[in-house]
Protein backbone atom coordinates (compact mmCIF):
# COMPACT_ATOMS: atom_id res chain seq x y z
CA MET A 1 47.39 95.60 -45.55
CA PHE A 2 44.81 95.61 -42.84
CA ARG A 3 42.02 95.43 -45.41
CA LYS A 4 43.71 92.38 -46.99
CA LEU A 5 43.86 90.64 -43.58
CA VAL A 6 40.23 91.42 -42.99
CA ILE A 7 39.21 90.00 -46.39
CA VAL A 8 41.35 86.90 -45.81
CA GLY A 9 39.73 86.50 -42.38
CA ILE A 10 36.25 86.75 -43.85
CA ILE A 11 37.06 84.16 -46.50
CA LEU A 12 38.50 81.78 -43.96
CA PHE A 13 35.49 82.26 -41.70
CA ALA A 14 33.12 81.63 -44.55
CA PHE A 15 35.04 78.51 -45.55
CA SER A 16 35.11 77.13 -42.00
CA GLY A 17 31.37 77.87 -41.75
CA ARG A 18 30.74 75.87 -44.92
CA ALA A 19 32.83 73.00 -43.58
CA PHE A 20 31.00 73.11 -40.24
CA ALA A 21 27.63 73.14 -42.03
CA ALA A 22 28.72 70.15 -44.15
CA GLU A 23 29.67 68.25 -41.06
CA LYS A 24 26.42 69.15 -39.34
CA SER A 25 24.43 67.98 -42.31
CA THR A 26 25.88 64.46 -42.35
CA THR A 27 23.03 62.01 -42.98
CA VAL A 28 22.70 58.25 -42.80
CA ARG A 29 20.12 56.01 -44.46
CA ILE A 30 19.28 52.65 -42.82
CA LEU A 31 17.17 49.84 -44.23
CA THR A 32 15.50 47.27 -41.97
CA GLN A 33 14.40 44.17 -43.84
CA ASN A 34 13.04 40.84 -42.72
CA MET A 35 14.27 38.47 -45.47
CA ASP A 36 11.72 35.73 -44.73
CA ALA A 37 13.30 32.39 -43.86
CA GLY A 38 11.02 30.64 -46.35
CA THR A 39 8.77 29.09 -43.76
CA ASP A 40 6.79 30.20 -40.73
CA GLN A 41 7.38 26.70 -39.31
CA THR A 42 3.70 25.87 -39.63
CA TYR A 43 4.36 22.17 -40.10
CA ILE A 44 6.87 22.02 -37.25
CA VAL A 45 4.47 23.80 -34.88
CA ALA A 46 1.70 21.42 -35.95
CA ALA A 47 3.93 18.44 -35.15
CA LEU A 48 4.95 19.85 -31.74
CA SER A 49 1.29 20.43 -31.02
CA GLY A 50 0.53 16.78 -31.80
CA TYR A 51 -1.32 17.28 -35.12
CA LEU A 52 1.40 15.84 -37.38
CA PRO A 53 4.30 13.39 -37.06
CA LEU A 54 7.52 15.39 -36.64
CA ALA A 55 9.41 13.50 -39.27
CA ASP A 56 6.65 14.27 -41.85
CA ALA A 57 6.63 17.93 -40.75
CA VAL A 58 10.43 18.15 -41.35
CA ASP A 59 10.06 16.66 -44.88
CA MET A 60 7.18 19.02 -45.69
CA THR A 61 9.21 21.99 -44.48
CA TYR A 62 12.06 20.92 -46.75
CA MET A 63 9.68 20.72 -49.67
CA GLU A 64 8.31 24.11 -48.79
CA LEU A 65 11.84 25.62 -48.83
CA GLN A 66 12.58 24.07 -52.22
CA ALA A 67 9.36 25.56 -53.64
CA GLY A 68 10.04 28.94 -52.14
CA ASN A 69 12.91 29.90 -54.44
CA LEU A 70 15.17 31.55 -51.86
CA PRO A 71 17.88 32.36 -54.42
CA GLY A 72 15.31 34.18 -56.57
CA ARG A 73 14.01 36.05 -53.56
CA ALA A 74 17.54 37.18 -52.62
CA ALA A 75 18.10 38.43 -56.17
CA ARG A 76 14.89 40.45 -56.11
CA LEU A 77 15.72 41.96 -52.77
CA ALA A 78 19.23 42.81 -53.94
CA SER A 79 17.85 44.74 -56.89
CA GLN A 80 15.86 46.90 -54.54
CA ILE A 81 18.79 47.47 -52.16
CA ALA A 82 21.09 48.30 -55.08
CA ALA A 83 18.60 50.86 -56.30
CA ALA A 84 18.20 52.51 -52.94
CA LYS A 85 21.86 52.19 -51.75
CA PRO A 86 21.28 52.67 -48.01
CA GLU A 87 24.47 53.03 -46.07
CA ILE A 88 23.44 50.37 -43.53
CA VAL A 89 21.17 47.36 -43.80
CA ALA A 90 19.70 45.51 -40.85
CA LEU A 91 18.38 42.04 -41.71
CA GLN A 92 16.16 39.64 -39.85
CA GLU A 93 15.48 35.98 -40.71
CA CYS A 94 18.73 35.86 -42.61
CA THR A 95 18.69 32.11 -42.24
CA LEU A 96 21.23 29.39 -42.91
CA TRP A 97 19.57 26.10 -43.85
CA ARG A 98 21.57 22.89 -43.72
CA VAL A 99 20.82 19.19 -44.28
CA GLY A 100 22.49 15.92 -43.39
CA SER A 101 21.89 12.27 -42.72
CA SER A 102 21.13 13.02 -39.04
CA PRO A 103 20.73 16.07 -36.80
CA GLU A 104 24.32 15.55 -35.59
CA THR A 105 25.72 15.60 -39.16
CA ALA A 106 23.50 18.25 -40.76
CA THR A 107 26.33 20.43 -42.04
CA THR A 108 25.72 20.54 -45.73
CA THR A 109 24.49 23.98 -46.81
CA LEU A 110 21.06 23.98 -48.45
CA PHE A 111 20.42 27.72 -48.53
CA ASP A 112 22.54 30.48 -46.99
CA GLN A 113 20.40 33.58 -47.25
CA LEU A 114 23.32 35.90 -46.26
CA ALA A 115 25.58 34.53 -48.98
CA LEU A 116 22.80 34.58 -51.55
CA LEU A 117 22.06 38.21 -50.82
CA GLN A 118 25.72 39.32 -50.83
CA ASP A 119 26.44 37.50 -54.08
CA ALA A 120 23.36 39.06 -55.67
CA LEU A 121 24.34 42.57 -54.42
CA SER A 122 27.85 42.12 -55.85
CA ALA A 123 26.27 41.09 -59.13
CA GLN A 124 24.36 44.39 -59.00
CA LEU A 125 27.70 46.14 -58.54
CA THR A 126 26.64 47.34 -55.08
CA PRO A 127 28.52 45.10 -52.63
CA TYR A 128 27.86 45.16 -48.89
CA ASP A 129 30.18 43.99 -46.11
CA VAL A 130 29.12 42.22 -42.96
CA VAL A 131 29.43 44.28 -39.76
CA ALA A 132 27.94 41.70 -37.38
CA VAL A 133 26.04 38.37 -37.35
CA ASN A 134 23.75 37.66 -34.43
CA THR A 135 23.16 33.87 -34.35
CA ILE A 136 20.11 33.36 -32.19
CA GLY A 137 18.85 29.85 -32.95
CA ASP A 138 20.27 26.53 -34.14
CA LEU A 139 17.82 23.67 -34.46
CA ALA A 140 18.24 20.32 -36.26
CA LEU A 141 15.33 17.93 -36.54
CA PRO A 142 15.15 14.41 -38.11
CA GLY A 143 13.01 13.84 -41.22
CA ARG A 144 11.50 10.70 -42.62
CA THR A 145 13.10 10.61 -46.04
CA LEU A 146 15.31 13.65 -45.82
CA GLY A 147 17.60 12.61 -42.95
CA ALA A 148 17.69 15.96 -41.07
CA LEU A 149 16.96 19.64 -41.61
CA ARG A 150 18.84 22.30 -39.68
CA MET A 151 17.80 25.90 -39.28
CA ILE A 152 20.24 28.58 -38.04
CA ASP A 153 18.41 31.85 -37.42
CA ARG A 154 20.41 35.09 -37.68
CA ASN A 155 20.10 38.84 -37.48
CA VAL A 156 22.72 40.53 -39.66
CA LEU A 157 24.14 44.07 -39.96
CA LEU A 158 25.63 45.16 -43.32
CA VAL A 159 27.38 48.30 -44.52
CA ARG A 160 27.88 49.47 -48.07
CA ALA A 161 31.34 48.30 -49.13
CA ASP A 162 32.41 51.57 -50.66
CA LEU A 163 32.15 53.41 -47.34
CA ARG A 164 35.30 53.78 -45.27
CA PRO A 165 36.30 55.98 -42.30
CA PRO A 166 35.79 58.81 -41.85
CA ASP A 167 32.68 58.39 -44.05
CA LEU A 168 31.29 55.64 -41.87
CA SER A 169 32.75 53.31 -39.31
CA PHE A 170 31.65 51.08 -36.38
CA SER A 171 32.94 50.40 -32.91
CA GLU A 172 31.73 48.54 -29.82
CA VAL A 173 29.88 45.98 -32.05
CA HIS A 174 28.15 43.34 -29.97
CA SER A 175 25.72 40.47 -30.46
CA TYR A 176 23.22 39.52 -27.78
CA THR A 177 20.61 36.92 -27.00
CA PHE A 178 17.62 38.00 -24.92
CA GLN A 179 17.24 36.36 -21.54
CA ALA A 180 13.53 36.13 -22.17
CA ALA A 181 12.77 33.23 -24.57
CA LEU A 182 9.51 31.51 -25.58
CA PRO A 183 9.04 28.04 -24.20
CA PHE A 184 7.42 25.79 -26.72
CA GLY A 185 7.14 22.09 -26.13
CA PRO A 186 10.59 20.81 -25.25
CA MET A 187 12.31 23.86 -26.77
CA ARG A 188 13.01 27.48 -25.96
CA ILE A 189 12.74 29.81 -28.96
CA PRO A 190 15.40 32.56 -28.56
CA ALA A 191 15.59 36.10 -30.07
CA GLY A 192 18.39 38.65 -30.09
CA TRP A 193 19.83 41.95 -31.17
CA ILE A 194 22.95 43.68 -32.50
CA SER A 195 24.39 46.79 -30.88
CA ALA A 196 26.93 49.02 -32.55
CA LYS A 197 28.25 52.60 -32.30
CA VAL A 198 28.14 54.23 -35.74
CA HIS A 199 30.65 57.01 -36.53
CA ALA A 200 30.67 59.56 -39.26
CA GLY A 201 33.54 61.94 -38.86
CA ASN A 202 33.46 63.07 -35.24
CA GLN A 203 29.75 62.31 -34.85
CA HIS A 204 28.25 59.06 -33.67
CA PHE A 205 25.03 57.31 -32.55
CA GLN A 206 24.11 54.00 -31.02
CA LEU A 207 22.34 51.62 -33.35
CA ILE A 208 20.23 48.69 -32.18
CA ALA A 209 18.99 46.13 -34.71
CA THR A 210 16.60 43.51 -33.40
CA HIS A 211 13.91 40.93 -34.05
CA LEU A 212 11.52 40.49 -31.12
CA GLU A 213 9.43 37.41 -30.43
CA SER A 214 6.30 37.15 -32.45
CA THR A 215 2.76 36.63 -31.13
CA VAL A 216 1.93 32.99 -31.40
CA PRO A 217 -1.79 32.11 -31.66
CA GLY A 218 -2.88 29.97 -28.76
CA VAL A 219 0.31 30.77 -26.85
CA PRO A 220 -0.65 33.79 -24.68
CA GLU A 221 2.77 33.92 -22.97
CA SER A 222 4.39 34.88 -26.25
CA THR A 223 3.22 38.48 -25.79
CA GLY A 224 4.77 38.55 -22.30
CA VAL A 225 8.05 37.27 -23.71
CA GLN A 226 8.10 39.96 -26.35
CA VAL A 227 7.34 42.72 -23.81
CA ALA A 228 10.14 41.33 -21.54
CA GLN A 229 12.55 41.43 -24.51
CA ALA A 230 11.69 45.06 -25.17
CA GLY A 231 12.27 45.80 -21.48
CA GLU A 232 15.72 44.21 -21.66
CA LEU A 233 16.52 46.49 -24.63
CA LEU A 234 15.40 49.63 -22.79
CA ARG A 235 17.36 48.74 -19.67
CA GLU A 236 20.51 48.20 -21.75
CA LEU A 237 20.03 51.68 -23.33
CA ARG A 238 19.55 53.58 -20.14
CA ASN A 239 23.24 54.28 -19.76
CA VAL A 240 23.88 55.18 -23.42
CA ILE A 241 25.16 58.71 -23.80
CA GLY A 242 24.20 60.29 -27.12
CA PRO A 243 21.65 59.67 -29.90
CA VAL A 244 20.04 56.19 -30.38
CA ILE A 245 18.33 54.47 -33.28
CA LEU A 246 16.39 51.24 -32.88
CA CYS A 247 15.26 49.29 -35.95
CA GLY A 248 14.02 45.85 -36.88
CA ASP A 249 11.00 43.55 -36.84
CA PHE A 250 9.36 44.28 -33.53
CA ASN A 251 6.35 42.00 -34.11
CA SER A 252 4.19 44.70 -32.44
CA ASP A 253 1.65 46.57 -34.52
CA ALA A 254 2.55 50.29 -34.37
CA ASN A 255 -0.93 51.22 -35.53
CA HIS A 256 -2.31 49.82 -32.24
CA ASN A 257 -5.04 47.98 -34.12
CA PRO A 258 -6.87 45.64 -31.69
CA ALA A 259 -7.78 43.37 -34.60
CA ALA A 260 -4.14 42.85 -35.61
CA LEU A 261 -2.45 39.56 -34.80
CA ASP A 262 0.48 41.44 -33.28
CA TYR A 263 -1.54 43.84 -31.07
CA THR A 264 0.90 44.10 -28.19
CA PRO A 265 1.95 46.84 -25.79
CA THR A 266 5.60 46.78 -26.98
CA VAL A 267 5.46 49.87 -29.25
CA GLY A 268 3.78 51.94 -26.55
CA LEU A 269 6.36 50.78 -24.03
CA ILE A 270 9.24 52.00 -26.22
CA GLN A 271 7.54 55.26 -26.93
CA SER A 272 6.89 55.79 -23.25
CA ALA A 273 10.64 55.47 -22.69
CA GLY A 274 11.13 58.59 -24.83
CA TYR A 275 11.69 57.14 -28.32
CA GLN A 276 10.00 58.58 -31.36
CA GLU A 277 8.31 56.08 -33.69
CA ALA A 278 9.52 57.27 -37.08
CA TRP A 279 6.75 56.38 -39.55
CA SER A 280 3.93 57.94 -37.57
CA ALA A 281 6.01 61.10 -37.09
CA LEU A 282 6.26 61.78 -40.79
CA HIS A 283 3.17 59.95 -42.09
CA PRO A 284 0.39 60.62 -39.56
CA GLY A 285 -2.81 58.87 -40.58
CA ASP A 286 -1.04 56.54 -43.05
CA PRO A 287 -0.98 53.02 -41.60
CA GLY A 288 2.10 52.10 -43.61
CA ASN A 289 1.50 48.37 -43.15
CA THR A 290 4.49 46.09 -43.84
CA TRP A 291 3.26 42.55 -43.19
CA PRO A 292 2.20 40.13 -44.71
CA LEU A 293 2.86 40.60 -48.36
CA TYR A 294 1.97 36.94 -48.92
CA LEU A 295 1.41 33.77 -46.89
CA GLU A 296 3.87 31.10 -47.84
CA ASP A 297 2.67 28.51 -45.34
CA LEU A 298 -0.31 26.52 -46.47
CA PHE A 299 -1.82 23.78 -44.39
CA PRO A 300 -2.63 21.23 -45.85
CA PRO A 301 0.27 21.86 -48.22
CA ASN A 302 -0.11 23.31 -51.69
CA PHE A 303 3.50 23.81 -52.66
CA GLY A 304 4.42 26.47 -55.23
CA THR A 305 1.28 28.51 -54.68
CA PHE A 306 1.85 31.59 -52.57
CA PRO A 307 -1.34 33.64 -52.50
CA PRO A 308 -0.91 37.41 -52.26
CA ALA A 309 -2.03 39.01 -49.02
CA THR A 310 -2.92 42.55 -48.07
CA PRO A 311 -0.57 43.87 -45.33
CA ILE A 312 -2.51 44.36 -42.18
CA GLU A 313 0.16 45.42 -39.71
CA ARG A 314 3.15 47.76 -39.36
CA ILE A 315 5.72 45.78 -37.39
CA ASP A 316 8.97 46.74 -39.28
CA LEU A 317 9.90 49.87 -37.38
CA PHE A 318 12.34 52.64 -36.54
CA PHE A 319 12.55 54.42 -33.20
CA SER A 320 14.96 57.21 -32.40
CA GLN A 321 16.04 59.47 -29.56
CA GLY A 322 18.23 62.54 -30.11
CA MET A 323 18.37 62.15 -33.96
CA GLN A 324 16.63 64.34 -36.52
CA LEU A 325 14.45 62.20 -38.74
CA LEU A 326 14.53 63.44 -42.37
CA ASP A 327 12.59 60.75 -44.28
CA ILE A 328 11.16 57.32 -44.07
CA GLU A 329 9.72 55.14 -46.81
CA ARG A 330 8.71 51.60 -47.60
CA LEU A 331 10.46 49.46 -50.24
CA THR A 332 8.17 48.35 -53.00
CA LEU A 333 9.37 44.76 -53.32
CA PRO A 334 8.97 42.62 -56.39
CA PRO A 335 6.50 39.77 -55.79
CA TYR A 336 7.66 37.30 -53.19
CA ALA A 337 11.02 38.78 -52.46
CA SER A 338 9.94 38.66 -48.80
CA ASP A 339 6.69 38.54 -46.85
CA HIS A 340 7.79 41.83 -45.21
CA ALA A 341 8.17 45.20 -46.82
CA GLY A 342 11.48 46.83 -46.02
CA VAL A 343 11.61 50.27 -44.52
CA ILE A 344 14.34 52.88 -45.08
CA ALA A 345 14.81 55.80 -42.73
CA GLN A 346 17.10 58.79 -43.20
CA PHE A 347 18.49 60.64 -40.19
CA GLN A 348 20.69 63.70 -39.75
CA MET A 349 23.54 63.15 -37.40
């Protein structure tokens, strides 16, 4: 009898050990992807700088969007996401474009990049649900023949629709706008981030998905705004207990290349706060550049012709603290799905 009890005890211990090991080996794969709004606002910036009438710039931007085939881009991106099936997707420049007869009545949807992507993912039999939408900009400008064009800029967090608790769940989901914003002419250009606690079983980590201000040529204060935004993030994270993952488009070259457009101190600032930069940890010596895959803004305009570009910066990034990084890779996007390569990182919880 005693021998039987010992054998049963050994079996139970072995089973519990396997269960514990399974729990400890829980992994999560996250994709960060800048969708590309279809314009870098070259014409609008030229107008605000006095080089072009604003109404003409609005009409030209509208034509640029029409030539850019945003539905086709969303379908191409969906095919890549469906193939990779990350549990979580963090999107930047997931833009809602609207038109109307005036800025006050510009409520008719022209392109909704979130809806386009979700529909395309469902068509690929890999639906994703929205966890959070971070609306960070809403600007409507009058055109000459168009009436008005309205741009609503958004960061979005998605989760694969087949995942349910205890596989994966979210709590304390919040959307924020940075206090630091770029002044440009009569406007302030905002940026923001999403914060969420991600749970798998009884394990969790804090996830931050963001899009920091870009470096604007001829506007030296843009770098200072970006650094201030990174400082805001780090201050918010000081009181977080437990592992943390930051991801998104940081607009700061992680290769620290002085010749890069986005050569800023932001990456170094985050690393100095104790966060590991994921790509360089697993791919030392490989620049892993993610932007630009093409340049859609041509001035003067040449609509429909998007010349390929060789990526020169790595600005789509993951940082982590207290998480074991298992793998990180770039998505190989079909031509013109986005001007950014997406990056998928896998972590062990």
